[in-house]
Amino acid sequence: MAQFSIEIADSDIERVLSAVVHNYKRPESIANPAFDSELPTDPDTNPETIPNAETYSQFTNRIVRQFLSENVRSYEMKEAKRIAAEEAGNNTSPEINDPELP
């Protein structure tokens, strides 16, 4: 598999991660998958939420991969539509006439 990589200056990494984390709204806490609604909510033994284990770097990496995937999908859909329209020809409207009109 091919790799695509970028380099960010050490002095800028915190700025970049912080910007992505805030622009894409990384939650500080997430729903607790082990939460038992049958038991009382307790921050120590049965919390409804837990700290988000996804680091800023992991989150940013996921968002960048998602961004690239969405852009590829969008481009390919536009190209498929363009090609389909070209193959259908310039006049894609059906000819419809009213025999009652001259």
PDB file of N, CA and C in Angstrom:
ATOM      1  N   MET A   1       0.844  -1.169   0.000  1.00  0.00           N
ATOM      2  CA  MET A   1       0.000   0.000   0.000  1.00  0.00           C
ATOM      3  C   MET A   1       0.891   1.234   0.000  1.00  0.00           C
ATOM      4  N   ALA A   2       0.508   2.231  -0.769  1.00  0.00           N
ATOM      5  CA  ALA A   2       1.272   3.473  -0.840  1.00  0.00           C
ATOM      6  C   ALA A   2       1.049   4.302   0.414  1.00  0.00           C
ATOM      7  N   GLN A   3       2.016   5.155   0.693  1.00  0.00           N
ATOM      8  CA  GLN A   3       1.895   6.063   1.831  1.00  0.00           C
ATOM      9  C   GLN A   3       1.895   7.491   1.334  1.00  0.00           C
ATOM     10  N   PHE A   4       1.140   8.312   2.003  1.00  0.00           N
ATOM     11  CA  PHE A   4       1.089   9.745   1.741  1.00  0.00           C
ATOM     12  C   PHE A   4       1.419  10.403   3.073  1.00  0.00           C
ATOM     13  N   SER A   5       2.424  11.243   3.103  1.00  0.00           N
ATOM     14  CA  SER A   5       2.801  11.845   4.380  1.00  0.00           C
ATOM     15  C   SER A   5       3.051  13.332   4.210  1.00  0.00           C
ATOM     16  N   ILE A   6       2.963  14.023   5.326  1.00  0.00           N
ATOM     17  CA  ILE A   6       3.261  15.450   5.364  1.00  0.00           C
ATOM     18  C   ILE A   6       4.165  15.698   6.565  1.00  0.00           C
ATOM     19  N   GLU A   7       4.855  16.799   6.541  1.00  0.00           N
ATOM     20  CA  GLU A   7       5.671  17.197   7.673  1.00  0.00           C
ATOM     21  C   GLU A   7       5.156  18.529   8.184  1.00  0.00           C
ATOM     22  N   ILE A   8       5.074  18.623   9.482  1.00  0.00           N
ATOM     23  CA  ILE A   8       4.650  19.868  10.134  1.00  0.00           C
ATOM     24  C   ILE A   8       5.777  20.266  11.072  1.00  0.00           C
ATOM     25  N   ALA A   9       6.169  21.503  11.007  1.00  0.00           N
ATOM     26  CA  ALA A   9       7.255  21.989  11.875  1.00  0.00           C
ATOM     27  C   ALA A   9       6.885  21.766  13.332  1.00  0.00           C
ATOM     28  N   ASP A  10       7.869  21.374  14.120  1.00  0.00           N
ATOM     29  CA  ASP A  10       7.636  21.158  15.549  1.00  0.00           C
ATOM     30  C   ASP A  10       6.975  22.371  16.193  1.00  0.00           C
ATOM     31  N   SER A  11       7.369  23.540  15.745  1.00  0.00           N
ATOM     32  CA  SER A  11       6.825  24.768  16.341  1.00  0.00           C
ATOM     33  C   SER A  11       5.362  25.011  15.961  1.00  0.00           C
ATOM     34  N   ASP A  12       4.858  24.289  14.952  1.00  0.00           N
ATOM     35  CA  ASP A  12       3.486  24.489  14.485  1.00  0.00           C
ATOM     36  C   ASP A  12       2.536  23.338  14.799  1.00  0.00           C
ATOM     37  N   ILE A  13       3.049  22.210  15.261  1.00  0.00           N
ATOM     38  CA  ILE A  13       2.209  21.025  15.427  1.00  0.00           C
ATOM     39  C   ILE A  13       1.039  21.264  16.373  1.00  0.00           C
ATOM     40  N   GLU A  14       1.275  21.928  17.488  1.00  0.00           N
ATOM     41  CA  GLU A  14       0.187  22.181  18.438  1.00  0.00           C
ATOM     42  C   GLU A  14      -0.886  23.073  17.827  1.00  0.00           C
ATOM     43  N   ARG A  15      -0.465  24.051  17.029  1.00  0.00           N
ATOM     44  CA  ARG A  15      -1.424  24.932  16.345  1.00  0.00           C
ATOM     45  C   ARG A  15      -2.289  24.139  15.387  1.00  0.00           C
ATOM     46  N   VAL A  16      -1.666  23.264  14.608  1.00  0.00           N
ATOM     47  CA  VAL A  16      -2.391  22.475  13.619  1.00  0.00           C
ATOM     48  C   VAL A  16      -3.379  21.529  14.306  1.00  0.00           C
ATOM     49  N   LEU A  17      -2.892  20.785  15.296  1.00  0.00           N
ATOM     50  CA  LEU A  17      -3.770  19.841  15.991  1.00  0.00           C
ATOM     51  C   LEU A  17      -4.915  20.571  16.677  1.00  0.00           C
ATOM     52  N   SER A  18      -4.607  21.660  17.341  1.00  0.00           N
ATOM     53  CA  SER A  18      -5.635  22.421  18.037  1.00  0.00           C
ATOM     54  C   SER A  18      -6.688  22.951  17.065  1.00  0.00           C
ATOM     55  N   ALA A  19      -6.254  23.439  15.934  1.00  0.00           N
ATOM     56  CA  ALA A  19      -7.197  23.963  14.938  1.00  0.00           C
ATOM     57  C   ALA A  19      -8.139  22.871  14.438  1.00  0.00           C
ATOM     58  N   VAL A  20      -7.593  21.707  14.100  1.00  0.00           N
ATOM     59  CA  VAL A  20      -8.440  20.608  13.606  1.00  0.00           C
ATOM     60  C   VAL A  20      -9.374  20.126  14.706  1.00  0.00           C
ATOM     61  N   VAL A  21      -8.848  19.947  15.901  1.00  0.00           N
ATOM     62  CA  VAL A  21      -9.653  19.474  17.038  1.00  0.00           C
ATOM     63  C   VAL A  21     -10.833  20.419  17.291  1.00  0.00           C
ATOM     64  N   HIS A  22     -10.593  21.713  17.223  1.00  0.00           N
ATOM     65  CA  HIS A  22     -11.662  22.674  17.492  1.00  0.00           C
ATOM     66  C   HIS A  22     -12.576  22.868  16.288  1.00  0.00           C
ATOM     67  N   ASN A  23     -12.023  22.942  15.094  1.00  0.00           N
ATOM     68  CA  ASN A  23     -12.859  23.129  13.906  1.00  0.00           C
ATOM     69  C   ASN A  23     -13.775  21.938  13.648  1.00  0.00           C
ATOM     70  N   TYR A  24     -13.310  20.742  13.973  1.00  0.00           N
ATOM     71  CA  TYR A  24     -14.105  19.537  13.726  1.00  0.00           C
ATOM     72  C   TYR A  24     -14.755  19.003  15.010  1.00  0.00           C
ATOM     73  N   LYS A  25     -14.677  19.808  16.063  1.00  0.00           N
ATOM     74  CA  LYS A  25     -15.414  19.566  17.307  1.00  0.00           C
ATOM     75  C   LYS A  25     -15.186  18.188  17.931  1.00  0.00           C
ATOM     76  N   ARG A  26     -13.921  17.875  18.207  1.00  0.00           N
ATOM     77  CA  ARG A  26     -13.607  16.636  18.924  1.00  0.00           C
ATOM     78  C   ARG A  26     -14.173  16.727  20.330  1.00  0.00           C
ATOM     79  N   PRO A  27     -14.996  15.773  20.726  1.00  0.00           N
ATOM     80  CA  PRO A  27     -15.552  15.832  22.081  1.00  0.00           C
ATOM     81  C   PRO A  27     -14.509  15.437  23.128  1.00  0.00           C
ATOM     82  N   GLU A  28     -14.529  16.119  24.245  1.00  0.00           N
ATOM     83  CA  GLU A  28     -13.618  15.788  25.341  1.00  0.00           C
ATOM     84  C   GLU A  28     -14.061  14.507  26.041  1.00  0.00           C
ATOM     85  N   SER A  29     -15.374  14.257  26.031  1.00  0.00           N
ATOM     86  CA  SER A  29     -15.884  13.012  26.616  1.00  0.00           C
ATOM     87  C   SER A  29     -16.838  12.356  25.630  1.00  0.00           C
ATOM     88  N   ILE A  30     -16.975  11.046  25.765  1.00  0.00           N
ATOM     89  CA  ILE A  30     -17.834  10.268  24.876  1.00  0.00           C
ATOM     90  C   ILE A  30     -18.759   9.396  25.720  1.00  0.00           C
ATOM     91  N   ALA A  31     -19.780   8.864  25.088  1.00  0.00           N
ATOM     92  CA  ALA A  31     -20.691   7.965  25.790  1.00  0.00           C
ATOM     93  C   ALA A  31     -19.915   6.749  26.295  1.00  0.00           C
ATOM     94  N   ASN A  32     -20.214   6.345  27.494  1.00  0.00           N
ATOM     95  CA  ASN A  32     -19.555   5.189  28.102  1.00  0.00           C
ATOM     96  C   ASN A  32     -20.196   3.914  27.558  1.00  0.00           C
ATOM     97  N   PRO A  33     -19.439   3.119  26.792  1.00  0.00           N
ATOM     98  CA  PRO A  33     -20.030   1.890  26.238  1.00  0.00           C
ATOM     99  C   PRO A  33     -20.412   0.885  27.321  1.00  0.00           C
ATOM    100  N   ALA A  34     -19.835   1.024  28.504  1.00  0.00           N
ATOM    101  CA  ALA A  34     -20.132   0.101  29.597  1.00  0.00           C
ATOM    102  C   ALA A  34     -21.206   0.650  30.543  1.00  0.00           C
ATOM    103  N   PHE A  35     -21.784   1.799  30.202  1.00  0.00           N
ATOM    104  CA  PHE A  35     -22.798   2.398  31.071  1.00  0.00           C
ATOM    105  C   PHE A  35     -24.006   1.465  31.177  1.00  0.00           C
ATOM    106  N   ASP A  36     -24.458   1.250  32.391  1.00  0.00           N
ATOM    107  CA  ASP A  36     -25.613   0.386  32.649  1.00  0.00           C
ATOM    108  C   ASP A  36     -26.768   1.264  33.109  1.00  0.00           C
ATOM    109  N   SER A  37     -27.755   1.439  32.230  1.00  0.00           N
ATOM    110  CA  SER A  37     -28.886   2.311  32.559  1.00  0.00           C
ATOM    111  C   SER A  37     -29.770   1.725  33.651  1.00  0.00           C
ATOM    112  N   GLU A  38     -29.561   0.460  33.967  1.00  0.00           N
ATOM    113  CA  GLU A  38     -30.327  -0.182  35.035  1.00  0.00           C
ATOM    114  C   GLU A  38     -29.790   0.206  36.417  1.00  0.00           C
ATOM    115  N   LEU A  39     -28.556   0.705  36.443  1.00  0.00           N
ATOM    116  CA  LEU A  39     -27.924   1.088  37.707  1.00  0.00           C
ATOM    117  C   LEU A  39     -27.927   2.604  37.848  1.00  0.00           C
ATOM    118  N   PRO A  40     -27.792   3.090  39.073  1.00  0.00           N
ATOM    119  CA  PRO A  40     -27.695   4.543  39.247  1.00  0.00           C
ATOM    120  C   PRO A  40     -26.418   5.084  38.589  1.00  0.00           C
ATOM    121  N   THR A  41     -26.541   6.271  38.033  1.00  0.00           N
ATOM    122  CA  THR A  41     -25.370   6.930  37.456  1.00  0.00           C
ATOM    123  C   THR A  41     -24.434   7.332  38.587  1.00  0.00           C
ATOM    124  N   ASP A  42     -23.167   6.964  38.415  1.00  0.00           N
ATOM    125  CA  ASP A  42     -22.158   7.301  39.419  1.00  0.00           C
ATOM    126  C   ASP A  42     -20.864   7.621  38.685  1.00  0.00           C
ATOM    127  N   PRO A  43     -20.249   8.769  38.960  1.00  0.00           N
ATOM    128  CA  PRO A  43     -19.039   9.141  38.213  1.00  0.00           C
ATOM    129  C   PRO A  43     -17.875   8.171  38.386  1.00  0.00           C
ATOM    130  N   ASP A  44     -17.883   7.388  39.458  1.00  0.00           N
ATOM    131  CA  ASP A  44     -16.776   6.452  39.694  1.00  0.00           C
ATOM    132  C   ASP A  44     -17.079   5.031  39.221  1.00  0.00           C
ATOM    133  N   THR A  45     -18.309   4.581  39.432  1.00  0.00           N
ATOM    134  CA  THR A  45     -18.612   3.179  39.130  1.00  0.00           C
ATOM    135  C   THR A  45     -19.505   2.988  37.902  1.00  0.00           C
ATOM    136  N   ASN A  46     -20.306   3.989  37.541  1.00  0.00           N
ATOM    137  CA  ASN A  46     -21.198   3.855  36.394  1.00  0.00           C
ATOM    138  C   ASN A  46     -21.422   5.214  35.729  1.00  0.00           C
ATOM    139  N   PRO A  47     -20.347   5.782  35.169  1.00  0.00           N
ATOM    140  CA  PRO A  47     -20.489   7.098  34.531  1.00  0.00           C
ATOM    141  C   PRO A  47     -21.183   6.978  33.173  1.00  0.00           C
ATOM    142  N   GLU A  48     -22.001   7.969  32.833  1.00  0.00           N
ATOM    143  CA  GLU A  48     -22.648   7.990  31.512  1.00  0.00           C
ATOM    144  C   GLU A  48     -21.638   8.311  30.420  1.00  0.00           C
ATOM    145  N   THR A  49     -20.656   9.123  30.746  1.00  0.00           N
ATOM    146  CA  THR A  49     -19.618   9.475  29.777  1.00  0.00           C
ATOM    147  C   THR A  49     -18.248   9.174  30.365  1.00  0.00           C
ATOM    148  N   ILE A  50     -17.280   9.020  29.476  1.00  0.00           N
ATOM    149  CA  ILE A  50     -15.891   8.784  29.863  1.00  0.00           C
ATOM    150  C   ILE A  50     -14.999   9.715  29.046  1.00  0.00           C
ATOM    151  N   PRO A  51     -13.791   9.963  29.494  1.00  0.00           N
ATOM    152  CA  PRO A  51     -12.879  10.802  28.703  1.00  0.00           C
ATOM    153  C   PRO A  51     -12.627  10.180  27.318  1.00  0.00           C
ATOM    154  N   ASN A  52     -12.549  11.030  26.331  1.00  0.00           N
ATOM    155  CA  ASN A  52     -12.276  10.582  24.971  1.00  0.00           C
ATOM    156  C   ASN A  52     -10.838  10.060  24.903  1.00  0.00           C
ATOM    157  N   ALA A  53     -10.678   8.790  24.564  1.00  0.00           N
ATOM    158  CA  ALA A  53      -9.347   8.173  24.503  1.00  0.00           C
ATOM    159  C   ALA A  53      -8.610   8.493  23.204  1.00  0.00           C
ATOM    160  N   GLU A  54      -9.330   9.014  22.214  1.00  0.00           N
ATOM    161  CA  GLU A  54      -8.699   9.354  20.939  1.00  0.00           C
ATOM    162  C   GLU A  54      -7.862  10.615  21.137  1.00  0.00           C
ATOM    163  N   THR A  55      -6.554  10.502  20.925  1.00  0.00           N
ATOM    164  CA  THR A  55      -5.663  11.649  21.109  1.00  0.00           C
ATOM    165  C   THR A  55      -5.906  12.698  20.031  1.00  0.00           C
ATOM    166  N   TYR A  56      -5.388  13.889  20.257  1.00  0.00           N
ATOM    167  CA  TYR A  56      -5.508  14.944  19.260  1.00  0.00           C
ATOM    168  C   TYR A  56      -4.880  14.502  17.933  1.00  0.00           C
ATOM    169  N   SER A  57      -3.749  13.824  18.000  1.00  0.00           N
ATOM    170  CA  SER A  57      -3.081  13.352  16.779  1.00  0.00           C
ATOM    171  C   SER A  57      -3.924  12.308  16.063  1.00  0.00           C
ATOM    172  N   GLN A  58      -4.476  11.363  16.802  1.00  0.00           N
ATOM    173  CA  GLN A  58      -5.318  10.332  16.192  1.00  0.00           C
ATOM    174  C   GLN A  58      -6.561  10.952  15.566  1.00  0.00           C
ATOM    175  N   PHE A  59      -7.174  11.884  16.275  1.00  0.00           N
ATOM    176  CA  PHE A  59      -8.362  12.559  15.762  1.00  0.00           C
ATOM    177  C   PHE A  59      -8.033  13.294  14.471  1.00  0.00           C
ATOM    178  N   THR A  60      -6.953  14.060  14.469  1.00  0.00           N
ATOM    179  CA  THR A  60      -6.564  14.824  13.285  1.00  0.00           C
ATOM    180  C   THR A  60      -6.262  13.893  12.118  1.00  0.00           C
ATOM    181  N   ASN A  61      -5.569  12.805  12.392  1.00  0.00           N
ATOM    182  CA  ASN A  61      -5.267  11.830  11.344  1.00  0.00           C
ATOM    183  C   ASN A  61      -6.560  11.277  10.750  1.00  0.00           C
ATOM    184  N   ARG A  62      -7.523  10.949  11.603  1.00  0.00           N
ATOM    185  CA  ARG A  62      -8.811  10.408  11.125  1.00  0.00           C
ATOM    186  C   ARG A  62      -9.555  11.443  10.287  1.00  0.00           C
ATOM    187  N   ILE A  63      -9.555  12.695  10.726  1.00  0.00           N
ATOM    188  CA  ILE A  63     -10.249  13.752   9.993  1.00  0.00           C
ATOM    189  C   ILE A  63      -9.596  13.985   8.631  1.00  0.00           C
ATOM    190  N   VAL A  64      -8.276  13.956   8.570  1.00  0.00           N
ATOM    191  CA  VAL A  64      -7.571  14.153   7.294  1.00  0.00           C
ATOM    192  C   VAL A  64      -7.886  12.998   6.338  1.00  0.00           C
ATOM    193  N   ARG A  65      -7.896  11.761   6.857  1.00  0.00           N
ATOM    194  CA  ARG A  65      -8.236  10.615   6.006  1.00  0.00           C
ATOM    195  C   ARG A  65      -9.678  10.713   5.510  1.00  0.00           C
ATOM    196  N   GLN A  66     -10.562  11.135   6.397  1.00  0.00           N
ATOM    197  CA  GLN A  66     -11.972  11.312   6.023  1.00  0.00           C
ATOM    198  C   GLN A  66     -12.104  12.399   4.950  1.00  0.00           C
ATOM    199  N   PHE A  67     -11.384  13.496   5.118  1.00  0.00           N
ATOM    200  CA  PHE A  67     -11.392  14.593   4.151  1.00  0.00           C
ATOM    201  C   PHE A  67     -10.944  14.097   2.775  1.00  0.00           C
ATOM    202  N   LEU A  68      -9.863  13.351   2.734  1.00  0.00           N
ATOM    203  CA  LEU A  68      -9.354  12.841   1.458  1.00  0.00           C
ATOM    204  C   LEU A  68     -10.351  11.882   0.819  1.00  0.00           C
ATOM    205  N   SER A  69     -10.917  10.983   1.598  1.00  0.00           N
ATOM    206  CA  SER A  69     -11.896  10.027   1.069  1.00  0.00           C
ATOM    207  C   SER A  69     -13.116  10.738   0.509  1.00  0.00           C
ATOM    208  N   GLU A  70     -13.628  11.722   1.239  1.00  0.00           N
ATOM    209  CA  GLU A  70     -14.803  12.462   0.776  1.00  0.00           C
ATOM    210  C   GLU A  70     -14.512  13.229  -0.504  1.00  0.00           C
ATOM    211  N   ASN A  71     -13.305  13.781  -0.622  1.00  0.00           N
ATOM    212  CA  ASN A  71     -12.947  14.506  -1.830  1.00  0.00           C
ATOM    213  C   ASN A  71     -12.824  13.583  -3.027  1.00  0.00           C
ATOM    214  N   VAL A  72     -12.258  12.414  -2.842  1.00  0.00           N
ATOM    215  CA  VAL A  72     -12.158  11.438  -3.931  1.00  0.00           C
ATOM    216  C   VAL A  72     -13.558  11.026  -4.377  1.00  0.00           C
ATOM    217  N   ARG A  73     -14.409  10.684  -3.413  1.00  0.00           N
ATOM    218  CA  ARG A  73     -15.774  10.255  -3.726  1.00  0.00           C
ATOM    219  C   ARG A  73     -16.535  11.362  -4.469  1.00  0.00           C
ATOM    220  N   SER A  74     -16.419  12.604  -4.005  1.00  0.00           N
ATOM    221  CA  SER A  74     -17.094  13.732  -4.639  1.00  0.00           C
ATOM    222  C   SER A  74     -16.609  13.930  -6.074  1.00  0.00           C
ATOM    223  N   TYR A  75     -15.309  13.912  -6.258  1.00  0.00           N
ATOM    224  CA  TYR A  75     -14.743  14.084  -7.599  1.00  0.00           C
ATOM    225  C   TYR A  75     -15.200  12.971  -8.537  1.00  0.00           C
ATOM    226  N   GLU A  76     -15.136  11.736  -8.069  1.00  0.00           N
ATOM    227  CA  GLU A  76     -15.507  10.606  -8.922  1.00  0.00           C
ATOM    228  C   GLU A  76     -16.993  10.638  -9.275  1.00  0.00           C
ATOM    229  N   MET A  77     -17.842  11.084  -8.369  1.00  0.00           N
ATOM    230  CA  MET A  77     -19.271  11.198  -8.665  1.00  0.00           C
ATOM    231  C   MET A  77     -19.510  12.282  -9.724  1.00  0.00           C
ATOM    232  N   LYS A  78     -18.837  13.417  -9.589  1.00  0.00           N
ATOM    233  CA  LYS A  78     -18.978  14.487 -10.573  1.00  0.00           C
ATOM    234  C   LYS A  78     -18.502  14.021 -11.944  1.00  0.00           C
ATOM    235  N   GLU A  79     -17.384  13.312 -11.969  1.00  0.00           N
ATOM    236  CA  GLU A  79     -16.862  12.808 -13.241  1.00  0.00           C
ATOM    237  C   GLU A  79     -17.811  11.783 -13.859  1.00  0.00           C
ATOM    238  N   ALA A  80     -18.376  10.900 -13.055  1.00  0.00           N
ATOM    239  CA  ALA A  80     -19.306   9.900 -13.564  1.00  0.00           C
ATOM    240  C   ALA A  80     -20.540  10.575 -14.159  1.00  0.00           C
ATOM    241  N   LYS A  81     -21.046  11.609 -13.505  1.00  0.00           N
ATOM    242  CA  LYS A  81     -22.203  12.346 -14.029  1.00  0.00           C
ATOM    243  C   LYS A  81     -21.849  13.045 -15.335  1.00  0.00           C
ATOM    244  N   ARG A  82     -20.665  13.652 -15.381  1.00  0.00           N
ATOM    245  CA  ARG A  82     -20.239  14.359 -16.590  1.00  0.00           C
ATOM    246  C   ARG A  82     -20.113  13.385 -17.753  1.00  0.00           C
ATOM    247  N   ILE A  83     -19.498  12.250 -17.510  1.00  0.00           N
ATOM    248  CA  ILE A  83     -19.313  11.246 -18.560  1.00  0.00           C
ATOM    249  C   ILE A  83     -20.664  10.693 -19.012  1.00  0.00           C
ATOM    250  N   ALA A  84     -21.553  10.418 -18.069  1.00  0.00           N
ATOM    251  CA  ALA A  84     -22.884   9.906 -18.428  1.00  0.00           C
ATOM    252  C   ALA A  84     -23.636  10.918 -19.279  1.00  0.00           C
ATOM    253  N   ALA A  85     -23.540  12.194 -18.939  1.00  0.00           N
ATOM    254  CA  ALA A  85     -24.219  13.233 -19.721  1.00  0.00           C
ATOM    255  C   ALA A  85     -23.634  13.323 -21.118  1.00  0.00           C
ATOM    256  N   GLU A  86     -22.314  13.216 -21.250  1.00  0.00           N
ATOM    257  CA  GLU A  86     -21.681  13.250 -22.577  1.00  0.00           C
ATOM    258  C   GLU A  86     -22.110  12.058 -23.410  1.00  0.00           C
ATOM    259  N   GLU A  87     -22.162  10.879 -22.791  1.00  0.00           N
ATOM    260  CA  GLU A  87     -22.538   9.676 -23.513  1.00  0.00           C
ATOM    261  C   GLU A  87     -24.003   9.706 -23.935  1.00  0.00           C
ATOM    262  N   ALA A  88     -24.837  10.385 -23.161  1.00  0.00           N
ATOM    263  CA  ALA A  88     -26.253  10.488 -23.503  1.00  0.00           C
ATOM    264  C   ALA A  88     -26.464  11.469 -24.649  1.00  0.00           C
ATOM    265  N   GLY A  89     -25.474  12.296 -24.905  1.00  0.00           N
ATOM    266  CA  GLY A  89     -25.580  13.277 -25.983  1.00  0.00           C
ATOM    267  C   GLY A  89     -26.051  14.610 -25.452  1.00  0.00           C
ATOM    268  N   ASN A  90     -26.019  15.582 -26.336  1.00  0.00           N
ATOM    269  CA  ASN A  90     -26.395  16.932 -25.938  1.00  0.00           C
ATOM    270  C   ASN A  90     -27.891  17.072 -25.717  1.00  0.00           C
ATOM    271  N   ASN A  91     -28.698  16.355 -26.477  1.00  0.00           N
ATOM    272  CA  ASN A  91     -30.143  16.476 -26.354  1.00  0.00           C
ATOM    273  C   ASN A  91     -30.661  15.306 -25.531  1.00  0.00           C
ATOM    274  N   THR A  92     -30.718  15.485 -24.241  1.00  0.00           N
ATOM    275  CA  THR A  92     -31.172  14.402 -23.378  1.00  0.00           C
ATOM    276  C   THR A  92     -32.656  14.510 -23.052  1.00  0.00           C
ATOM    277  N   SER A  93     -33.300  15.580 -23.519  1.00  0.00           N
ATOM    278  CA  SER A  93     -34.735  15.734 -23.260  1.00  0.00           C
ATOM    279  C   SER A  93     -35.517  14.937 -24.300  1.00  0.00           C
ATOM    280  N   PRO A  94     -36.583  14.255 -23.883  1.00  0.00           N
ATOM    281  CA  PRO A  94     -37.404  13.512 -24.853  1.00  0.00           C
ATOM    282  C   PRO A  94     -38.232  14.488 -25.677  1.00  0.00           C
ATOM    283  N   GLU A  95     -38.583  14.079 -26.876  1.00  0.00           N
ATOM    284  CA  GLU A  95     -39.447  14.915 -27.713  1.00  0.00           C
ATOM    285  C   GLU A  95     -40.884  14.601 -27.343  1.00  0.00           C
ATOM    286  N   ILE A  96     -41.583  15.622 -26.891  1.00  0.00           N
ATOM    287  CA  ILE A  96     -42.980  15.473 -26.482  1.00  0.00           C
ATOM    288  C   ILE A  96     -43.795  16.562 -27.185  1.00  0.00           C
ATOM    289  N   ASN A  97     -44.783  16.137 -27.932  1.00  0.00           N
ATOM    290  CA  ASN A  97     -45.622  17.068 -28.659  1.00  0.00           C
ATOM    291  C   ASN A  97     -47.077  16.895 -28.254  1.00  0.00           C
ATOM    292  N   ASP A  98     -47.863  17.939 -28.457  1.00  0.00           N
ATOM    293  CA  ASP A  98     -49.299  17.886 -28.225  1.00  0.00           C
ATOM    294  C   ASP A  98     -49.974  17.834 -29.579  1.00  0.00           C
ATOM    295  N   PRO A  99     -50.559  16.697 -29.942  1.00  0.00           N
ATOM    296  CA  PRO A  99     -51.171  16.585 -31.285  1.00  0.00           C
ATOM    297  C   PRO A  99     -52.362  17.509 -31.458  1.00  0.00           C
ATOM    298  N   GLU A 100     -52.881  18.072 -30.401  1.00  0.00           N
ATOM    299  CA  GLU A 100     -54.024  18.993 -30.504  1.00  0.00           C
ATOM    300  C   GLU A 100     -53.587  20.381 -30.919  1.00  0.00           C
ATOM    301  N   LEU A 101     -52.290  20.658 -30.799  1.00  0.00           N
ATOM    302  CA  LEU A 101     -51.780  21.994 -31.153  1.00  0.00           C
ATOM    303  C   LEU A 101     -51.134  21.939 -32.534  1.00  0.00           C
ATOM    304  N   PRO A 102     -51.288  23.047 -33.278  1.00  0.00           N
ATOM    305  CA  PRO A 102     -50.662  23.083 -34.629  1.00  0.00           C
ATOM    306  C   PRO A 102     -49.159  23.152 -34.535  1.00  0.00           C
TER     307      PRO A 102
END
